[in-house]
């Protein structure tokens, strides 16, 4: 299933993309797409609904983040060997884990706002993992059973804040609008092999990133298992799993986003995003 939340910010309704690519309203089936709907029982209830009998949504409404009330937004750094090399950093022996503020989460096509004083705002297309059932000290073998689905994420990053203003990455990762998620949450049954997905990003129509999840250093099962050793993963938690090469930081000379730029990105089977870069607004 391709599950969505659509409508104005803060007033999103649950929806489903049918086999013909049309948006159907799920409001009569579930109140939202959030932690309570992401376990096996909640997803089974949605699957029982006949898409052909769900109301069609007319027009082109805004898509919000496909998961409501995300408890934690967890990120993995340097998870593609070639991206670590372009960043001038060694390949990690264990996954690099940091947090993105949940307040940075937004819809997939909402504008990205340059933070006040930003000079190095960068792009990062990433595969997102949405947790469906509580995971604590889970094995790699059992890890994927705790995943509800996958989505596209742009891990927008301010490199000066991240790398030049102290050892912690979080301050360059959680600025407002730095977490576009969606357009859809695609349930695991629709993805034959999550480690064989093409992943790409363009800025103003120029291809910057062109990778594949098969080149991850640590695969999805390893990441879910690893993170669950340090914190309990809850339904609705989102893990963004690292980016392939081609970020602005790695270009010669480094190139960063400016007002008016348009970023488009996508992952095979998971949809596409588009963001206009706008100046800071209080």
C-alpha atoms as a PDB file:
ATOM      1  CA  UNK A   1       0.000   0.000   0.000  1.00  0.00           C
ATOM      2  CA  UNK A   2       0.948   3.603  -0.578  1.00  0.00           C
ATOM      3  CA  UNK A   3      -0.354   5.572   2.388  1.00  0.00           C
ATOM      4  CA  UNK A   4      -0.468   9.365   2.471  1.00  0.00           C
ATOM      5  CA  UNK A   5      -1.667  12.294   4.520  1.00  0.00           C
ATOM      6  CA  UNK A   6      -3.068  15.163   2.503  1.00  0.00           C
ATOM      7  CA  UNK A   7      -4.407  18.653   3.149  1.00  0.00           C
ATOM      8  CA  UNK A   8      -3.277  21.881   4.758  1.00  0.00           C
ATOM      9  CA  UNK A   9      -0.559  21.765   7.441  1.00  0.00           C
ATOM     10  CA  UNK A  10      -1.972  20.558  10.722  1.00  0.00           C
ATOM     11  CA  UNK A  11      -5.232  19.467   9.098  1.00  0.00           C
ATOM     12  CA  UNK A  12      -4.073  16.496   7.036  1.00  0.00           C
ATOM     13  CA  UNK A  13      -6.405  13.581   6.337  1.00  0.00           C
ATOM     14  CA  UNK A  14      -5.399   9.947   5.788  1.00  0.00           C
ATOM     15  CA  UNK A  15      -5.335   8.690   2.231  1.00  0.00           C
ATOM     16  CA  UNK A  16      -4.314   5.845  -0.026  1.00  0.00           C
ATOM     17  CA  UNK A  17      -2.926   5.822  -3.560  1.00  0.00           C
ATOM     18  CA  UNK A  18      -4.843   3.226  -5.591  1.00  0.00           C
ATOM     19  CA  UNK A  19      -3.456   1.003  -8.352  1.00  0.00           C
ATOM     20  CA  UNK A  20      -4.258   3.687 -10.933  1.00  0.00           C
ATOM     21  CA  UNK A  21      -2.300   6.315  -9.014  1.00  0.00           C
ATOM     22  CA  UNK A  22      -5.403   8.127  -7.759  1.00  0.00           C
ATOM     23  CA  UNK A  23      -5.760   9.517  -4.261  1.00  0.00           C
ATOM     24  CA  UNK A  24      -8.500   7.941  -2.139  1.00  0.00           C
ATOM     25  CA  UNK A  25      -9.741   9.235   1.199  1.00  0.00           C
ATOM     26  CA  UNK A  26      -9.277   6.879   4.180  1.00  0.00           C
ATOM     27  CA  UNK A  27     -11.041   9.020   6.786  1.00  0.00           C
ATOM     28  CA  UNK A  28     -13.904   6.536   7.165  1.00  0.00           C
ATOM     29  CA  UNK A  29     -11.434   3.715   7.829  1.00  0.00           C
ATOM     30  CA  UNK A  30      -8.825   5.253  10.137  1.00  0.00           C
ATOM     31  CA  UNK A  31      -8.557   8.651  11.850  1.00  0.00           C
ATOM     32  CA  UNK A  32      -4.980   9.218  10.659  1.00  0.00           C
ATOM     33  CA  UNK A  33      -1.778   7.465   9.573  1.00  0.00           C
ATOM     34  CA  UNK A  34       0.181   7.488  12.816  1.00  0.00           C
ATOM     35  CA  UNK A  35       1.723   5.163  15.416  1.00  0.00           C
ATOM     36  CA  UNK A  36      -1.594   3.462  16.192  1.00  0.00           C
ATOM     37  CA  UNK A  37      -2.149   2.535  12.533  1.00  0.00           C
ATOM     38  CA  UNK A  38       1.355   1.256  11.713  1.00  0.00           C
ATOM     39  CA  UNK A  39       1.310  -2.101  13.505  1.00  0.00           C
ATOM     40  CA  UNK A  40       0.003  -5.310  11.963  1.00  0.00           C
ATOM     41  CA  UNK A  41      -3.528  -4.757  13.285  1.00  0.00           C
ATOM     42  CA  UNK A  42      -3.770  -1.192  12.023  1.00  0.00           C
ATOM     43  CA  UNK A  43      -2.361  -2.007   8.593  1.00  0.00           C
ATOM     44  CA  UNK A  44      -4.632  -5.051   8.315  1.00  0.00           C
ATOM     45  CA  UNK A  45      -7.637  -2.819   8.907  1.00  0.00           C
ATOM     46  CA  UNK A  46      -6.586  -0.527   6.086  1.00  0.00           C
ATOM     47  CA  UNK A  47      -5.928  -3.495   3.769  1.00  0.00           C
ATOM     48  CA  UNK A  48      -9.491  -4.729   4.286  1.00  0.00           C
ATOM     49  CA  UNK A  49     -10.837  -1.537   2.735  1.00  0.00           C
ATOM     50  CA  UNK A  50     -11.764  -1.794  -0.938  1.00  0.00           C
ATOM     51  CA  UNK A  51      -9.938   1.093  -2.673  1.00  0.00           C
ATOM     52  CA  UNK A  52     -12.591   1.258  -5.378  1.00  0.00           C
ATOM     53  CA  UNK A  53     -15.207   2.096  -2.746  1.00  0.00           C
ATOM     54  CA  UNK A  54     -13.157   4.806  -1.048  1.00  0.00           C
ATOM     55  CA  UNK A  55     -13.975   8.405  -2.040  1.00  0.00           C
ATOM     56  CA  UNK A  56     -11.782   9.877  -4.749  1.00  0.00           C
ATOM     57  CA  UNK A  57     -10.010  13.087  -3.792  1.00  0.00           C
ATOM     58  CA  UNK A  58     -10.306  15.668  -6.542  1.00  0.00           C
ATOM     59  CA  UNK A  59      -7.694  18.191  -7.530  1.00  0.00           C
ATOM     60  CA  UNK A  60      -4.083  18.223  -6.415  1.00  0.00           C
ATOM     61  CA  UNK A  61      -4.028  18.651  -2.644  1.00  0.00           C
ATOM     62  CA  UNK A  62      -0.855  19.189  -0.690  1.00  0.00           C
ATOM     63  CA  UNK A  63       0.799  16.076   0.738  1.00  0.00           C
ATOM     64  CA  UNK A  64       2.023  16.243   4.318  1.00  0.00           C
ATOM     65  CA  UNK A  65       4.462  13.929   6.026  1.00  0.00           C
ATOM     66  CA  UNK A  66       2.880  10.468   5.578  1.00  0.00           C
ATOM     67  CA  UNK A  67       3.322   9.672   9.286  1.00  0.00           C
ATOM     68  CA  UNK A  68       1.560  11.726  11.950  1.00  0.00           C
ATOM     69  CA  UNK A  69       3.075  12.409  15.371  1.00  0.00           C
ATOM     70  CA  UNK A  70       6.538  10.955  14.682  1.00  0.00           C
ATOM     71  CA  UNK A  71       8.009  10.105  18.116  1.00  0.00           C
ATOM     72  CA  UNK A  72      11.694  10.145  17.077  1.00  0.00           C
ATOM     73  CA  UNK A  73      13.523  11.223  13.928  1.00  0.00           C
ATOM     74  CA  UNK A  74      16.765   9.236  13.921  1.00  0.00           C
ATOM     75  CA  UNK A  75      19.482   9.686  11.320  1.00  0.00           C
ATOM     76  CA  UNK A  76      22.453   7.653  10.140  1.00  0.00           C
ATOM     77  CA  UNK A  77      25.544   9.417   8.831  1.00  0.00           C
ATOM     78  CA  UNK A  78      28.217   8.308   6.366  1.00  0.00           C
ATOM     79  CA  UNK A  79      26.407   5.133   5.357  1.00  0.00           C
ATOM     80  CA  UNK A  80      27.668   5.062   1.756  1.00  0.00           C
ATOM     81  CA  UNK A  81      31.425   4.540   1.360  1.00  0.00           C
ATOM     82  CA  UNK A  82      31.722   6.947  -1.569  1.00  0.00           C
ATOM     83  CA  UNK A  83      29.867   9.675   0.354  1.00  0.00           C
ATOM     84  CA  UNK A  84      32.255   9.258   3.304  1.00  0.00           C
ATOM     85  CA  UNK A  85      35.156   9.680   0.868  1.00  0.00           C
ATOM     86  CA  UNK A  86      33.739  12.874  -0.667  1.00  0.00           C
ATOM     87  CA  UNK A  87      33.240  14.242   2.855  1.00  0.00           C
ATOM     88  CA  UNK A  88      36.882  13.524   3.693  1.00  0.00           C
ATOM     89  CA  UNK A  89      35.891  11.182   6.524  1.00  0.00           C
ATOM     90  CA  UNK A  90      36.865   7.552   7.198  1.00  0.00           C
ATOM     91  CA  UNK A  91      34.394   4.722   6.641  1.00  0.00           C
ATOM     92  CA  UNK A  92      32.765   4.171  10.039  1.00  0.00           C
ATOM     93  CA  UNK A  93      33.272   0.876  11.854  1.00  0.00           C
ATOM     94  CA  UNK A  94      29.832   1.226  13.416  1.00  0.00           C
ATOM     95  CA  UNK A  95      26.816   3.227  12.251  1.00  0.00           C
ATOM     96  CA  UNK A  96      26.988   6.954  12.981  1.00  0.00           C
ATOM     97  CA  UNK A  97      23.760   7.863  14.793  1.00  0.00           C
ATOM     98  CA  UNK A  98      22.394  11.360  15.402  1.00  0.00           C
ATOM     99  CA  UNK A  99      18.977  12.963  15.805  1.00  0.00           C
ATOM    100  CA  UNK A 100      16.982  15.347  13.653  1.00  0.00           C
ATOM    101  CA  UNK A 101      14.443  17.490  15.488  1.00  0.00           C
ATOM    102  CA  UNK A 102      10.866  16.370  14.867  1.00  0.00           C
ATOM    103  CA  UNK A 103      10.011  20.066  14.450  1.00  0.00           C
ATOM    104  CA  UNK A 104      11.879  20.043  11.123  1.00  0.00           C
ATOM    105  CA  UNK A 105       9.484  17.487   9.593  1.00  0.00           C
ATOM    106  CA  UNK A 106       7.326  18.734   6.739  1.00  0.00           C
ATOM    107  CA  UNK A 107       5.598  17.604   3.575  1.00  0.00           C
ATOM    108  CA  UNK A 108       7.605  16.390   0.582  1.00  0.00           C
ATOM    109  CA  UNK A 109       6.876  19.403  -1.610  1.00  0.00           C
ATOM    110  CA  UNK A 110       6.830  22.168   0.991  1.00  0.00           C
ATOM    111  CA  UNK A 111       9.482  24.894   0.537  1.00  0.00           C
ATOM    112  CA  UNK A 112      12.872  24.493   2.219  1.00  0.00           C
ATOM    113  CA  UNK A 113      13.759  27.623   4.182  1.00  0.00           C
ATOM    114  CA  UNK A 114      17.350  28.771   4.498  1.00  0.00           C
ATOM    115  CA  UNK A 115      18.123  29.291   8.212  1.00  0.00           C
ATOM    116  CA  UNK A 116      19.071  32.743   9.459  1.00  0.00           C
ATOM    117  CA  UNK A 117      22.785  33.261   8.730  1.00  0.00           C
ATOM    118  CA  UNK A 118      23.091  30.125   6.605  1.00  0.00           C
ATOM    119  CA  UNK A 119      25.849  29.995   4.004  1.00  0.00           C
ATOM    120  CA  UNK A 120      26.176  26.210   3.539  1.00  0.00           C
ATOM    121  CA  UNK A 121      22.717  24.613   3.277  1.00  0.00           C
ATOM    122  CA  UNK A 122      23.080  21.270   1.488  1.00  0.00           C
ATOM    123  CA  UNK A 123      20.918  18.453   0.119  1.00  0.00           C
ATOM    124  CA  UNK A 124      20.891  14.703   0.891  1.00  0.00           C
ATOM    125  CA  UNK A 125      18.440  12.238  -0.657  1.00  0.00           C
ATOM    126  CA  UNK A 126      17.881   9.315   1.720  1.00  0.00           C
ATOM    127  CA  UNK A 127      15.774   6.210   2.201  1.00  0.00           C
ATOM    128  CA  UNK A 128      13.515   6.511   5.230  1.00  0.00           C
ATOM    129  CA  UNK A 129      12.467   3.560   7.394  1.00  0.00           C
ATOM    130  CA  UNK A 130       9.228   3.792   9.387  1.00  0.00           C
ATOM    131  CA  UNK A 131       8.925   1.576  12.454  1.00  0.00           C
ATOM    132  CA  UNK A 132       5.660  -0.324  12.829  1.00  0.00           C
ATOM    133  CA  UNK A 133       6.097  -2.266  16.072  1.00  0.00           C
ATOM    134  CA  UNK A 134       8.158  -1.684  19.205  1.00  0.00           C
ATOM    135  CA  UNK A 135      11.765  -2.811  18.791  1.00  0.00           C
ATOM    136  CA  UNK A 136      14.189  -3.229  21.688  1.00  0.00           C
ATOM    137  CA  UNK A 137      17.393  -5.270  21.399  1.00  0.00           C
ATOM    138  CA  UNK A 138      16.141  -6.968  18.243  1.00  0.00           C
ATOM    139  CA  UNK A 139      18.400  -9.217  16.199  1.00  0.00           C
ATOM    140  CA  UNK A 140      19.379  -8.434  12.639  1.00  0.00           C
ATOM    141  CA  UNK A 141      17.392 -11.510  11.585  1.00  0.00           C
ATOM    142  CA  UNK A 142      14.179 -10.180  13.144  1.00  0.00           C
ATOM    143  CA  UNK A 143      14.710  -6.470  12.506  1.00  0.00           C
ATOM    144  CA  UNK A 144      12.700  -6.057   9.310  1.00  0.00           C
ATOM    145  CA  UNK A 145       9.629  -7.590  10.961  1.00  0.00           C
ATOM    146  CA  UNK A 146       9.419  -4.346  12.977  1.00  0.00           C
ATOM    147  CA  UNK A 147       9.324  -2.114   9.881  1.00  0.00           C
ATOM    148  CA  UNK A 148       5.982  -0.795   8.593  1.00  0.00           C
ATOM    149  CA  UNK A 149       7.341   0.711   5.398  1.00  0.00           C
ATOM    150  CA  UNK A 150       9.688   3.036   3.572  1.00  0.00           C
ATOM    151  CA  UNK A 151       9.682   6.594   2.236  1.00  0.00           C
ATOM    152  CA  UNK A 152      11.797   9.295   0.592  1.00  0.00           C
ATOM    153  CA  UNK A 153      13.570  11.838   2.819  1.00  0.00           C
ATOM    154  CA  UNK A 154      15.654  14.900   2.055  1.00  0.00           C
ATOM    155  CA  UNK A 155      18.074  15.172   4.980  1.00  0.00           C
ATOM    156  CA  UNK A 156      18.658  18.896   4.452  1.00  0.00           C
ATOM    157  CA  UNK A 157      21.823  19.969   6.287  1.00  0.00           C
ATOM    158  CA  UNK A 158      23.545  23.247   7.121  1.00  0.00           C
ATOM    159  CA  UNK A 159      27.231  22.269   6.894  1.00  0.00           C
ATOM    160  CA  UNK A 160      28.672  25.232   8.791  1.00  0.00           C
ATOM    161  CA  UNK A 161      26.304  24.586  11.703  1.00  0.00           C
ATOM    162  CA  UNK A 162      26.974  20.845  11.466  1.00  0.00           C
ATOM    163  CA  UNK A 163      30.761  20.698  11.079  1.00  0.00           C
ATOM    164  CA  UNK A 164      32.243  24.042  12.133  1.00  0.00           C
ATOM    165  CA  UNK A 165      30.309  24.921  15.272  1.00  0.00           C
ATOM    166  CA  UNK A 166      31.121  22.084  17.630  1.00  0.00           C
ATOM    167  CA  UNK A 167      31.399  18.273  17.518  1.00  0.00           C
ATOM    168  CA  UNK A 168      27.673  17.486  17.508  1.00  0.00           C
ATOM    169  CA  UNK A 169      25.914  17.266  14.138  1.00  0.00           C
ATOM    170  CA  UNK A 170      22.386  17.878  15.417  1.00  0.00           C
ATOM    171  CA  UNK A 171      22.447  21.683  15.216  1.00  0.00           C
ATOM    172  CA  UNK A 172      22.996  21.535  11.449  1.00  0.00           C
ATOM    173  CA  UNK A 173      20.317  18.918  10.883  1.00  0.00           C
ATOM    174  CA  UNK A 174      17.181  20.046  12.690  1.00  0.00           C
ATOM    175  CA  UNK A 175      16.480  23.541  11.398  1.00  0.00           C
ATOM    176  CA  UNK A 176      12.886  24.297  10.439  1.00  0.00           C
ATOM    177  CA  UNK A 177      11.896  22.635   7.108  1.00  0.00           C
ATOM    178  CA  UNK A 178      15.018  20.400   7.087  1.00  0.00           C
ATOM    179  CA  UNK A 179      12.999  17.162   7.112  1.00  0.00           C
ATOM    180  CA  UNK A 180      10.799  16.728   4.020  1.00  0.00           C
ATOM    181  CA  UNK A 181       9.266  13.221   4.187  1.00  0.00           C
ATOM    182  CA  UNK A 182       7.087  11.484   1.609  1.00  0.00           C
ATOM    183  CA  UNK A 183       5.104  11.658  -0.589  1.00  0.00           C
ATOM    184  CA  UNK A 184       4.035   8.191   0.501  1.00  0.00           C
ATOM    185  CA  UNK A 185       4.668   5.584   3.149  1.00  0.00           C
ATOM    186  CA  UNK A 186       5.077   2.424   1.067  1.00  0.00           C
ATOM    187  CA  UNK A 187       4.438  -0.729   3.073  1.00  0.00           C
ATOM    188  CA  UNK A 188       7.119  -3.409   3.079  1.00  0.00           C
ATOM    189  CA  UNK A 189       5.104  -5.880   0.995  1.00  0.00           C
ATOM    190  CA  UNK A 190       5.404  -3.557  -2.026  1.00  0.00           C
ATOM    191  CA  UNK A 191       9.209  -3.442  -1.940  1.00  0.00           C
ATOM    192  CA  UNK A 192      10.781  -6.649  -3.221  1.00  0.00           C
ATOM    193  CA  UNK A 193      14.328  -5.784  -2.119  1.00  0.00           C
ATOM    194  CA  UNK A 194      14.966  -2.581  -0.188  1.00  0.00           C
ATOM    195  CA  UNK A 195      18.707  -2.993  -0.858  1.00  0.00           C
ATOM    196  CA  UNK A 196      18.250  -2.685  -4.626  1.00  0.00           C
ATOM    197  CA  UNK A 197      16.600   0.714  -5.060  1.00  0.00           C
ATOM    198  CA  UNK A 198      17.827   3.507  -7.296  1.00  0.00           C
ATOM    199  CA  UNK A 199      18.115   6.845  -5.481  1.00  0.00           C
ATOM    200  CA  UNK A 200      18.657  10.267  -7.063  1.00  0.00           C
ATOM    201  CA  UNK A 201      18.533  14.039  -6.567  1.00  0.00           C
ATOM    202  CA  UNK A 202      18.645  17.051  -8.892  1.00  0.00           C
ATOM    203  CA  UNK A 203      19.157  20.764  -8.283  1.00  0.00           C
ATOM    204  CA  UNK A 204      17.640  23.037 -10.927  1.00  0.00           C
ATOM    205  CA  UNK A 205      17.345  20.044 -13.257  1.00  0.00           C
ATOM    206  CA  UNK A 206      20.995  19.005 -12.937  1.00  0.00           C
ATOM    207  CA  UNK A 207      21.584  15.498 -11.602  1.00  0.00           C
ATOM    208  CA  UNK A 208      23.706  15.709  -8.466  1.00  0.00           C
ATOM    209  CA  UNK A 209      23.155  12.355  -6.778  1.00  0.00           C
ATOM    210  CA  UNK A 210      22.662   9.065  -8.562  1.00  0.00           C
ATOM    211  CA  UNK A 211      23.101   6.026  -6.353  1.00  0.00           C
ATOM    212  CA  UNK A 212      21.618   2.735  -5.229  1.00  0.00           C
ATOM    213  CA  UNK A 213      20.805   1.384  -1.794  1.00  0.00           C
ATOM    214  CA  UNK A 214      22.892  -1.705  -2.565  1.00  0.00           C
ATOM    215  CA  UNK A 215      26.029   0.354  -1.797  1.00  0.00           C
ATOM    216  CA  UNK A 216      25.036   1.064   1.809  1.00  0.00           C
ATOM    217  CA  UNK A 217      27.766   0.196   4.303  1.00  0.00           C
ATOM    218  CA  UNK A 218      25.185  -0.989   6.848  1.00  0.00           C
ATOM    219  CA  UNK A 219      21.942  -2.374   5.429  1.00  0.00           C
ATOM    220  CA  UNK A 220      18.456  -1.633   6.765  1.00  0.00           C
ATOM    221  CA  UNK A 221      18.230  -4.773   8.921  1.00  0.00           C
ATOM    222  CA  UNK A 222      21.591  -3.967  10.523  1.00  0.00           C
ATOM    223  CA  UNK A 223      20.580  -0.359  11.189  1.00  0.00           C
ATOM    224  CA  UNK A 224      17.261  -1.220  12.853  1.00  0.00           C
ATOM    225  CA  UNK A 225      18.937  -3.861  14.991  1.00  0.00           C
ATOM    226  CA  UNK A 226      21.846  -1.576  15.880  1.00  0.00           C
ATOM    227  CA  UNK A 227      19.752   1.441  16.855  1.00  0.00           C
ATOM    228  CA  UNK A 228      17.464  -0.773  18.960  1.00  0.00           C
ATOM    229  CA  UNK A 229      20.446  -1.615  21.174  1.00  0.00           C
ATOM    230  CA  UNK A 230      20.670   2.013  22.297  1.00  0.00           C
ATOM    231  CA  UNK A 231      17.049   3.177  22.371  1.00  0.00           C
ATOM    232  CA  UNK A 232      13.628   1.575  22.138  1.00  0.00           C
ATOM    233  CA  UNK A 233      12.198   2.098  18.685  1.00  0.00           C
ATOM    234  CA  UNK A 234       8.500   2.958  18.799  1.00  0.00           C
ATOM    235  CA  UNK A 235       5.755   2.770  16.177  1.00  0.00           C
ATOM    236  CA  UNK A 236       6.024   5.869  14.020  1.00  0.00           C
ATOM    237  CA  UNK A 237       9.736   6.407  14.603  1.00  0.00           C
ATOM    238  CA  UNK A 238      11.534   7.344  11.392  1.00  0.00           C
ATOM    239  CA  UNK A 239      15.129   6.384  10.596  1.00  0.00           C
ATOM    240  CA  UNK A 240      16.782   8.158   7.690  1.00  0.00           C
ATOM    241  CA  UNK A 241      19.582   5.919   6.489  1.00  0.00           C
ATOM    242  CA  UNK A 242      22.329   7.950   4.853  1.00  0.00           C
ATOM    243  CA  UNK A 243      22.982   9.456   1.439  1.00  0.00           C
ATOM    244  CA  UNK A 244      24.980   8.461  -1.657  1.00  0.00           C
ATOM    245  CA  UNK A 245      27.684  10.765  -3.081  1.00  0.00           C
ATOM    246  CA  UNK A 246      26.931  14.003  -4.861  1.00  0.00           C
ATOM    247  CA  UNK A 247      26.158  16.414  -2.034  1.00  0.00           C
ATOM    248  CA  UNK A 248      27.182  20.059  -2.304  1.00  0.00           C
ATOM    249  CA  UNK A 249      29.855  19.638   0.374  1.00  0.00           C
ATOM    250  CA  UNK A 250      31.733  17.185  -1.837  1.00  0.00           C
ATOM    251  CA  UNK A 251      31.781  19.310  -4.986  1.00  0.00           C
ATOM    252  CA  UNK A 252      34.893  21.172  -6.095  1.00  0.00           C
ATOM    253  CA  UNK A 253      34.391  23.918  -5.158  1.00  0.00           C
ATOM    254  CA  UNK A 254      31.629  23.143  -2.645  1.00  0.00           C
ATOM    255  CA  UNK A 255      28.224  24.322  -3.856  1.00  0.00           C
ATOM    256  CA  UNK A 256      25.258  25.093  -1.632  1.00  0.00           C
ATOM    257  CA  UNK A 257      21.603  25.958  -1.980  1.00  0.00           C
ATOM    258  CA  UNK A 258      20.451  29.518  -2.549  1.00  0.00           C
ATOM    259  CA  UNK A 259      17.120  31.293  -2.757  1.00  0.00           C
ATOM    260  CA  UNK A 260      15.165  30.227  -5.820  1.00  0.00           C
ATOM    261  CA  UNK A 261      16.831  26.852  -6.303  1.00  0.00           C
ATOM    262  CA  UNK A 262      14.550  23.886  -6.964  1.00  0.00           C
ATOM    263  CA  UNK A 263      15.445  20.474  -5.550  1.00  0.00           C
ATOM    264  CA  UNK A 264      13.837  17.297  -6.908  1.00  0.00           C
ATOM    265  CA  UNK A 265      14.575  13.825  -5.592  1.00  0.00           C
ATOM    266  CA  UNK A 266      13.221  10.310  -5.582  1.00  0.00           C
ATOM    267  CA  UNK A 267      13.707   6.611  -4.927  1.00  0.00           C
ATOM    268  CA  UNK A 268      12.479   3.704  -7.052  1.00  0.00           C
ATOM    269  CA  UNK A 269       8.972   2.721  -5.967  1.00  0.00           C
ATOM    270  CA  UNK A 270       8.786   5.357  -3.235  1.00  0.00           C
ATOM    271  CA  UNK A 271       7.859   8.460  -5.209  1.00  0.00           C
ATOM    272  CA  UNK A 272       9.405  11.880  -5.714  1.00  0.00           C
ATOM    273  CA  UNK A 273       9.728  15.192  -3.892  1.00  0.00           C
ATOM    274  CA  UNK A 274      10.125  18.772  -5.098  1.00  0.00           C
ATOM    275  CA  UNK A 275      11.162  21.748  -2.959  1.00  0.00           C
ATOM    276  CA  UNK A 276      11.644  25.431  -3.727  1.00  0.00           C
ATOM    277  CA  UNK A 277      14.398  27.017  -1.630  1.00  0.00           C
ATOM    278  CA  UNK A 278      13.176  30.198   0.064  1.00  0.00           C
ATOM    279  CA  UNK A 279      14.838  32.788   2.334  1.00  0.00           C
ATOM    280  CA  UNK A 280      14.515  32.809   6.092  1.00  0.00           C
ATOM    281  CA  UNK A 281      11.209  34.093   7.413  1.00  0.00           C
ATOM    282  CA  UNK A 282      10.570  34.558  11.121  1.00  0.00           C
END
